[in-house]
Amino acid sequence: MSVLAVSKRFARNIYLHTGPRVGGIRRDPTEVFTTASGHFHGTNPENLKHIKLFLLDKYAIPDDLALQVLTHKSFGNGIKPYNEKLSTMGSKLLNLTLAKYVVSKQTSNELAINGKNLDVLGTPMAKELGGRMALGVFAKNSKLNTIMFWKSYNSHLSFEQSGELKVSAQMMYALVGAVTFVHGKKAAEQFVEEKLLLGSTSLEAITEELLQNLRKSDA
């Protein structure tokens, strides 16, 4: 019997399943790595356009790193590089920068040290400025979370209940982490000050609105 005949005899077809998951059947990778909104995981311009527009050339990061920023560990069973470690790095840098920002504001507090009021770090504004809610809303307002790679068990729920707010906030931490990784600590602090703390849609403006709404609901 020839080698060719043996190869034909033992040849088999592989079925790749699409649709609802069925135990024991391999799913089509194209479907596994496609979001509910129809975006396939990859470094194509459509996927990265919002993050590139936000960073511009000054704070640009490589495409593969930008894709990692947008990828949550829940997506595709965690096979693709995801943003957890970048998020950890970014949260530390962001919280440090925000702390320096709030204590550096002009104050008449008699307990201020060299003009810096450390007591302000205990205020609701300081606590919530870099919190999940403010960052999630910022990501939504800036359209940075328009395309993210993550898995929601119920995308029909609200922004907060579906988990989108939490994933959006983690993506923002990861974005700061990526800028830190590529450009260094000093540039990353400048990035936070320029892109997250300036203007009517800044983290500070969002946090103030959130706190006002909270006070109204408690009244």
C-alpha atoms as a PDB file:
ATOM      1  CA  MET A   1       0.000   0.000   0.000  1.00  0.00           C
ATOM      2  CA  SER A   2       1.441   3.388  -0.953  1.00  0.00           C
ATOM      3  CA  VAL A   3       1.947   6.311   1.445  1.00  0.00           C
ATOM      4  CA  LEU A   4      -0.613   8.324  -0.546  1.00  0.00           C
ATOM      5  CA  ALA A   5      -3.218   5.590  -0.132  1.00  0.00           C
ATOM      6  CA  VAL A   6      -2.620   5.471   3.628  1.00  0.00           C
ATOM      7  CA  SER A   7      -2.952   9.272   3.872  1.00  0.00           C
ATOM      8  CA  LYS A   8      -6.276   9.197   2.041  1.00  0.00           C
ATOM      9  CA  ARG A   9      -7.544   6.336   4.158  1.00  0.00           C
ATOM     10  CA  PHE A  10      -6.936   8.149   7.437  1.00  0.00           C
ATOM     11  CA  ALA A  11      -7.873  11.646   6.262  1.00  0.00           C
ATOM     12  CA  ARG A  12     -10.649  13.319   8.280  1.00  0.00           C
ATOM     13  CA  ASN A  13     -12.634  16.509   8.168  1.00  0.00           C
ATOM     14  CA  ILE A  14     -12.715  18.910  11.137  1.00  0.00           C
ATOM     15  CA  TYR A  15     -16.070  20.505  11.892  1.00  0.00           C
ATOM     16  CA  LEU A  16     -15.898  24.007  13.343  1.00  0.00           C
ATOM     17  CA  HIS A  17     -19.143  24.900  15.080  1.00  0.00           C
ATOM     18  CA  THR A  18     -20.780  28.317  14.917  1.00  0.00           C
ATOM     19  CA  GLY A  19     -23.642  29.562  17.035  1.00  0.00           C
ATOM     20  CA  PRO A  20     -24.451  28.616  20.654  1.00  0.00           C
ATOM     21  CA  ARG A  21     -21.739  26.648  22.407  1.00  0.00           C
ATOM     22  CA  VAL A  22     -22.094  22.849  22.329  1.00  0.00           C
ATOM     23  CA  GLY A  23     -20.026  20.682  24.670  1.00  0.00           C
ATOM     24  CA  GLY A  24     -17.327  18.603  22.967  1.00  0.00           C
ATOM     25  CA  ILE A  25     -17.504  20.470  19.658  1.00  0.00           C
ATOM     26  CA  ARG A  26     -14.761  22.847  18.595  1.00  0.00           C
ATOM     27  CA  ARG A  27     -15.964  26.367  17.826  1.00  0.00           C
ATOM     28  CA  ASP A  28     -14.985  28.346  14.750  1.00  0.00           C
ATOM     29  CA  PRO A  29     -12.083  30.662  15.803  1.00  0.00           C
ATOM     30  CA  THR A  30     -13.547  33.440  13.675  1.00  0.00           C
ATOM     31  CA  GLU A  31     -16.628  33.465  15.877  1.00  0.00           C
ATOM     32  CA  VAL A  32     -14.709  33.037  19.134  1.00  0.00           C
ATOM     33  CA  PHE A  33     -12.631  36.146  18.438  1.00  0.00           C
ATOM     34  CA  THR A  34     -15.480  38.331  17.182  1.00  0.00           C
ATOM     35  CA  THR A  35     -17.390  40.657  19.500  1.00  0.00           C
ATOM     36  CA  ALA A  36     -21.167  40.812  19.752  1.00  0.00           C
ATOM     37  CA  SER A  37     -20.991  44.023  17.701  1.00  0.00           C
ATOM     38  CA  GLY A  38     -19.176  42.195  14.892  1.00  0.00           C
ATOM     39  CA  HIS A  39     -15.590  43.367  15.398  1.00  0.00           C
ATOM     40  CA  PHE A  40     -12.941  40.706  14.806  1.00  0.00           C
ATOM     41  CA  HIS A  41      -9.932  40.843  17.132  1.00  0.00           C
ATOM     42  CA  GLY A  42      -6.981  42.367  15.290  1.00  0.00           C
ATOM     43  CA  THR A  43      -4.914  45.499  14.718  1.00  0.00           C
ATOM     44  CA  ASN A  44      -7.018  46.847  11.884  1.00  0.00           C
ATOM     45  CA  PRO A  45      -7.686  50.607  11.616  1.00  0.00           C
ATOM     46  CA  GLU A  46     -11.362  50.273  12.548  1.00  0.00           C
ATOM     47  CA  ASN A  47     -10.568  48.638  15.890  1.00  0.00           C
ATOM     48  CA  LEU A  48      -7.887  51.141  16.864  1.00  0.00           C
ATOM     49  CA  LYS A  49      -9.253  54.392  15.439  1.00  0.00           C
ATOM     50  CA  HIS A  50     -10.683  55.778  18.691  1.00  0.00           C
ATOM     51  CA  ILE A  51      -7.606  55.088  20.788  1.00  0.00           C
ATOM     52  CA  LYS A  52      -5.286  56.449  18.065  1.00  0.00           C
ATOM     53  CA  LEU A  53      -7.343  59.627  17.739  1.00  0.00           C
ATOM     54  CA  PHE A  54      -7.192  60.137  21.493  1.00  0.00           C
ATOM     55  CA  LEU A  55      -3.446  59.550  21.815  1.00  0.00           C
ATOM     56  CA  LEU A  56      -2.381  61.278  18.598  1.00  0.00           C
ATOM     57  CA  ASP A  57       1.316  61.184  17.685  1.00  0.00           C
ATOM     58  CA  LYS A  58       2.477  62.703  20.972  1.00  0.00           C
ATOM     59  CA  TYR A  59       1.419  59.704  23.056  1.00  0.00           C
ATOM     60  CA  ALA A  60       1.190  57.051  20.331  1.00  0.00           C
ATOM     61  CA  ILE A  61       1.735  53.403  21.232  1.00  0.00           C
ATOM     62  CA  PRO A  62       2.359  50.368  18.963  1.00  0.00           C
ATOM     63  CA  ASP A  63      -0.731  48.817  17.386  1.00  0.00           C
ATOM     64  CA  ASP A  64      -0.327  45.477  19.138  1.00  0.00           C
ATOM     65  CA  LEU A  65      -0.117  47.235  22.506  1.00  0.00           C
ATOM     66  CA  ALA A  66      -3.182  49.342  21.686  1.00  0.00           C
ATOM     67  CA  LEU A  67      -5.095  46.153  20.897  1.00  0.00           C
ATOM     68  CA  GLN A  68      -3.978  44.665  24.208  1.00  0.00           C
ATOM     69  CA  VAL A  69      -5.281  47.759  26.012  1.00  0.00           C
ATOM     70  CA  LEU A  70      -8.704  47.103  24.478  1.00  0.00           C
ATOM     71  CA  THR A  71      -8.713  43.384  25.315  1.00  0.00           C
ATOM     72  CA  HIS A  72     -10.159  42.103  28.591  1.00  0.00           C
ATOM     73  CA  LYS A  73      -9.227  38.682  29.968  1.00  0.00           C
ATOM     74  CA  SER A  74     -12.843  37.523  29.567  1.00  0.00           C
ATOM     75  CA  PHE A  75     -12.509  37.675  25.774  1.00  0.00           C
ATOM     76  CA  GLY A  76     -11.728  34.505  23.821  1.00  0.00           C
ATOM     77  CA  ASN A  77     -11.038  32.493  26.980  1.00  0.00           C
ATOM     78  CA  GLY A  78      -8.024  34.693  27.710  1.00  0.00           C
ATOM     79  CA  ILE A  79      -6.040  33.328  24.758  1.00  0.00           C
ATOM     80  CA  LYS A  80      -5.180  36.746  23.336  1.00  0.00           C
ATOM     81  CA  PRO A  81      -2.887  39.165  25.222  1.00  0.00           C
ATOM     82  CA  TYR A  82      -5.119  41.076  27.637  1.00  0.00           C
ATOM     83  CA  ASN A  83      -4.803  44.270  29.635  1.00  0.00           C
ATOM     84  CA  GLU A  84      -4.667  43.126  33.270  1.00  0.00           C
ATOM     85  CA  LYS A  85      -0.963  43.870  33.912  1.00  0.00           C
ATOM     86  CA  LEU A  86      -1.096  47.148  31.986  1.00  0.00           C
ATOM     87  CA  SER A  87      -4.103  48.106  34.093  1.00  0.00           C
ATOM     88  CA  THR A  88      -2.194  47.433  37.309  1.00  0.00           C
ATOM     89  CA  MET A  89       0.686  49.602  36.139  1.00  0.00           C
ATOM     90  CA  GLY A  90      -1.631  52.362  34.980  1.00  0.00           C
ATOM     91  CA  SER A  91      -3.680  52.471  38.172  1.00  0.00           C
ATOM     92  CA  LYS A  92      -0.567  53.101  40.259  1.00  0.00           C
ATOM     93  CA  LEU A  93       0.653  55.903  38.002  1.00  0.00           C
ATOM     94  CA  LEU A  94      -2.798  57.452  37.677  1.00  0.00           C
ATOM     95  CA  ASN A  95      -3.499  57.459  41.409  1.00  0.00           C
ATOM     96  CA  LEU A  96      -0.105  59.018  42.135  1.00  0.00           C
ATOM     97  CA  THR A  97      -0.635  61.727  39.509  1.00  0.00           C
ATOM     98  CA  LEU A  98      -4.148  62.497  40.744  1.00  0.00           C
ATOM     99  CA  ALA A  99      -2.936  62.700  44.350  1.00  0.00           C
ATOM    100  CA  LYS A 100      -0.257  65.208  43.340  1.00  0.00           C
ATOM    101  CA  TYR A 101      -2.888  67.123  41.373  1.00  0.00           C
ATOM    102  CA  VAL A 102      -5.377  67.557  44.235  1.00  0.00           C
ATOM    103  CA  VAL A 103      -2.811  68.465  46.916  1.00  0.00           C
ATOM    104  CA  SER A 104      -1.153  71.048  44.665  1.00  0.00           C
ATOM    105  CA  LYS A 105      -4.302  73.180  44.417  1.00  0.00           C
ATOM    106  CA  GLN A 106      -4.227  76.532  46.191  1.00  0.00           C
ATOM    107  CA  THR A 107      -5.398  76.289  49.795  1.00  0.00           C
ATOM    108  CA  SER A 108      -5.865  78.457  52.875  1.00  0.00           C
ATOM    109  CA  ASN A 109      -5.736  75.482  55.237  1.00  0.00           C
ATOM    110  CA  GLU A 110      -3.545  76.337  58.229  1.00  0.00           C
ATOM    111  CA  LEU A 111      -2.280  72.768  58.344  1.00  0.00           C
ATOM    112  CA  ALA A 112      -0.956  72.912  54.789  1.00  0.00           C
ATOM    113  CA  ILE A 113       2.687  71.897  54.363  1.00  0.00           C
ATOM    114  CA  ASN A 114       4.620  74.089  51.930  1.00  0.00           C
ATOM    115  CA  GLY A 115       1.305  75.189  50.467  1.00  0.00           C
ATOM    116  CA  LYS A 116       0.103  71.623  49.957  1.00  0.00           C
ATOM    117  CA  ASN A 117      -3.012  70.493  51.786  1.00  0.00           C
ATOM    118  CA  LEU A 118      -2.670  66.761  52.420  1.00  0.00           C
ATOM    119  CA  ASP A 119      -6.043  66.668  54.188  1.00  0.00           C
ATOM    120  CA  VAL A 120      -7.731  66.997  50.803  1.00  0.00           C
ATOM    121  CA  LEU A 121      -6.724  63.410  50.013  1.00  0.00           C
ATOM    122  CA  GLY A 122      -9.528  62.254  52.297  1.00  0.00           C
ATOM    123  CA  THR A 123     -12.281  64.187  50.525  1.00  0.00           C
ATOM    124  CA  PRO A 124     -14.917  62.484  48.327  1.00  0.00           C
ATOM    125  CA  MET A 125     -13.517  64.253  45.257  1.00  0.00           C
ATOM    126  CA  ALA A 126     -10.005  62.912  45.822  1.00  0.00           C
ATOM    127  CA  LYS A 127     -11.304  59.419  46.536  1.00  0.00           C
ATOM    128  CA  GLU A 128     -13.560  59.207  43.480  1.00  0.00           C
ATOM    129  CA  LEU A 129     -11.427  61.130  40.973  1.00  0.00           C
ATOM    130  CA  GLY A 130      -9.599  58.023  39.802  1.00  0.00           C
ATOM    131  CA  GLY A 131     -12.378  55.612  40.689  1.00  0.00           C
ATOM    132  CA  ARG A 132     -14.133  53.066  38.522  1.00  0.00           C
ATOM    133  CA  MET A 133     -17.267  55.141  37.974  1.00  0.00           C
ATOM    134  CA  ALA A 134     -15.481  58.314  36.843  1.00  0.00           C
ATOM    135  CA  LEU A 135     -13.084  56.425  34.569  1.00  0.00           C
ATOM    136  CA  GLY A 136     -15.870  54.354  33.045  1.00  0.00           C
ATOM    137  CA  VAL A 137     -17.951  57.434  32.265  1.00  0.00           C
ATOM    138  CA  PHE A 138     -14.874  59.201  30.877  1.00  0.00           C
ATOM    139  CA  ALA A 139     -14.194  56.258  28.554  1.00  0.00           C
ATOM    140  CA  LYS A 140     -17.783  56.329  27.344  1.00  0.00           C
ATOM    141  CA  ASN A 141     -17.886  60.105  26.834  1.00  0.00           C
ATOM    142  CA  SER A 142     -14.573  59.976  24.945  1.00  0.00           C
ATOM    143  CA  LYS A 143     -15.770  57.003  22.844  1.00  0.00           C
ATOM    144  CA  LEU A 144     -12.680  55.082  23.914  1.00  0.00           C
ATOM    145  CA  ASN A 145     -14.850  52.116  24.886  1.00  0.00           C
ATOM    146  CA  THR A 146     -16.747  52.040  21.583  1.00  0.00           C
ATOM    147  CA  ILE A 147     -14.769  48.969  20.536  1.00  0.00           C
ATOM    148  CA  MET A 148     -13.540  46.739  23.348  1.00  0.00           C
ATOM    149  CA  PHE A 149     -12.899  43.019  23.333  1.00  0.00           C
ATOM    150  CA  TRP A 150     -14.652  41.462  26.316  1.00  0.00           C
ATOM    151  CA  LYS A 151     -17.461  39.071  27.136  1.00  0.00           C
ATOM    152  CA  SER A 152     -20.688  40.198  28.740  1.00  0.00           C
ATOM    153  CA  TYR A 153     -23.137  37.604  29.972  1.00  0.00           C
ATOM    154  CA  ASN A 154     -25.988  40.001  29.249  1.00  0.00           C
ATOM    155  CA  SER A 155     -25.258  42.952  26.972  1.00  0.00           C
ATOM    156  CA  HIS A 156     -28.872  44.121  27.267  1.00  0.00           C
ATOM    157  CA  LEU A 157     -28.335  45.305  30.837  1.00  0.00           C
ATOM    158  CA  SER A 158     -27.322  48.859  31.724  1.00  0.00           C
ATOM    159  CA  PHE A 159     -23.840  50.311  31.355  1.00  0.00           C
ATOM    160  CA  GLU A 160     -23.073  49.494  34.967  1.00  0.00           C
ATOM    161  CA  GLN A 161     -25.013  46.236  35.405  1.00  0.00           C
ATOM    162  CA  SER A 162     -23.650  44.610  32.238  1.00  0.00           C
ATOM    163  CA  GLY A 163     -20.081  45.020  33.455  1.00  0.00           C
ATOM    164  CA  GLU A 164     -19.227  47.508  30.710  1.00  0.00           C
ATOM    165  CA  LEU A 165     -18.435  50.247  33.225  1.00  0.00           C
ATOM    166  CA  LYS A 166     -15.940  48.033  35.064  1.00  0.00           C
ATOM    167  CA  VAL A 167     -14.289  46.855  31.836  1.00  0.00           C
ATOM    168  CA  SER A 168     -14.154  50.441  30.524  1.00  0.00           C
ATOM    169  CA  ALA A 169     -12.434  51.643  33.697  1.00  0.00           C
ATOM    170  CA  GLN A 170      -9.888  48.833  33.494  1.00  0.00           C
ATOM    171  CA  MET A 171      -9.237  49.762  29.874  1.00  0.00           C
ATOM    172  CA  MET A 172      -8.522  53.358  30.943  1.00  0.00           C
ATOM    173  CA  TYR A 173      -6.050  52.185  33.582  1.00  0.00           C
ATOM    174  CA  ALA A 174      -4.429  50.002  30.918  1.00  0.00           C
ATOM    175  CA  LEU A 175      -4.190  52.948  28.533  1.00  0.00           C
ATOM    176  CA  VAL A 176      -2.287  54.956  31.138  1.00  0.00           C
ATOM    177  CA  GLY A 177      -0.127  51.895  31.761  1.00  0.00           C
ATOM    178  CA  ALA A 178       0.660  51.529  28.064  1.00  0.00           C
ATOM    179  CA  VAL A 179       1.641  55.192  27.756  1.00  0.00           C
ATOM    180  CA  THR A 180       3.863  54.770  30.822  1.00  0.00           C
ATOM    181  CA  PHE A 181       5.453  51.649  29.342  1.00  0.00           C
ATOM    182  CA  VAL A 182       6.228  53.319  26.002  1.00  0.00           C
ATOM    183  CA  HIS A 183       6.959  56.927  26.964  1.00  0.00           C
ATOM    184  CA  GLY A 184       8.023  56.749  30.612  1.00  0.00           C
ATOM    185  CA  LYS A 185       6.678  58.072  33.917  1.00  0.00           C
ATOM    186  CA  LYS A 186       7.153  61.796  33.276  1.00  0.00           C
ATOM    187  CA  ALA A 187       5.392  61.707  29.910  1.00  0.00           C
ATOM    188  CA  ALA A 188       2.609  59.562  31.356  1.00  0.00           C
ATOM    189  CA  GLU A 189       1.972  62.092  34.134  1.00  0.00           C
ATOM    190  CA  GLN A 190       1.808  64.811  31.496  1.00  0.00           C
ATOM    191  CA  PHE A 191      -0.593  62.624  29.499  1.00  0.00           C
ATOM    192  CA  VAL A 192      -2.929  62.343  32.497  1.00  0.00           C
ATOM    193  CA  GLU A 193      -2.819  66.093  33.098  1.00  0.00           C
ATOM    194  CA  GLU A 194      -3.413  66.996  29.441  1.00  0.00           C
ATOM    195  CA  LYS A 195      -5.861  64.334  28.317  1.00  0.00           C
ATOM    196  CA  LEU A 196      -7.769  63.398  31.471  1.00  0.00           C
ATOM    197  CA  LEU A 197      -7.795  66.542  33.613  1.00  0.00           C
ATOM    198  CA  LEU A 198      -8.457  69.377  31.172  1.00  0.00           C
ATOM    199  CA  GLY A 199     -11.734  70.617  29.733  1.00  0.00           C
ATOM    200  CA  SER A 200     -15.437  70.329  30.477  1.00  0.00           C
ATOM    201  CA  THR A 201     -15.388  66.537  30.054  1.00  0.00           C
ATOM    202  CA  SER A 202     -12.408  65.934  32.344  1.00  0.00           C
ATOM    203  CA  LEU A 203     -12.274  63.373  35.132  1.00  0.00           C
ATOM    204  CA  GLU A 204     -12.690  66.207  37.608  1.00  0.00           C
ATOM    205  CA  ALA A 205     -15.851  67.509  35.903  1.00  0.00           C
ATOM    206  CA  ILE A 206     -17.297  64.003  35.699  1.00  0.00           C
ATOM    207  CA  THR A 207     -16.504  63.298  39.354  1.00  0.00           C
ATOM    208  CA  GLU A 208     -18.078  66.558  40.488  1.00  0.00           C
ATOM    209  CA  GLU A 209     -21.262  65.720  38.585  1.00  0.00           C
ATOM    210  CA  LEU A 210     -21.338  62.215  40.045  1.00  0.00           C
ATOM    211  CA  LEU A 211     -20.931  63.589  43.571  1.00  0.00           C
ATOM    212  CA  GLN A 212     -23.666  66.166  42.996  1.00  0.00           C
ATOM    213  CA  ASN A 213     -26.045  63.446  41.832  1.00  0.00           C
ATOM    214  CA  LEU A 214     -25.142  61.375  44.874  1.00  0.00           C
ATOM    215  CA  ARG A 215     -25.853  64.289  47.219  1.00  0.00           C
ATOM    216  CA  LYS A 216     -29.218  64.856  45.543  1.00  0.00           C
ATOM    217  CA  SER A 217     -30.179  61.212  45.913  1.00  0.00           C
ATOM    218  CA  ASP A 218     -29.234  61.296  49.603  1.00  0.00           C
ATOM    219  CA  ALA A 219     -31.174  64.504  50.268  1.00  0.00           C
END
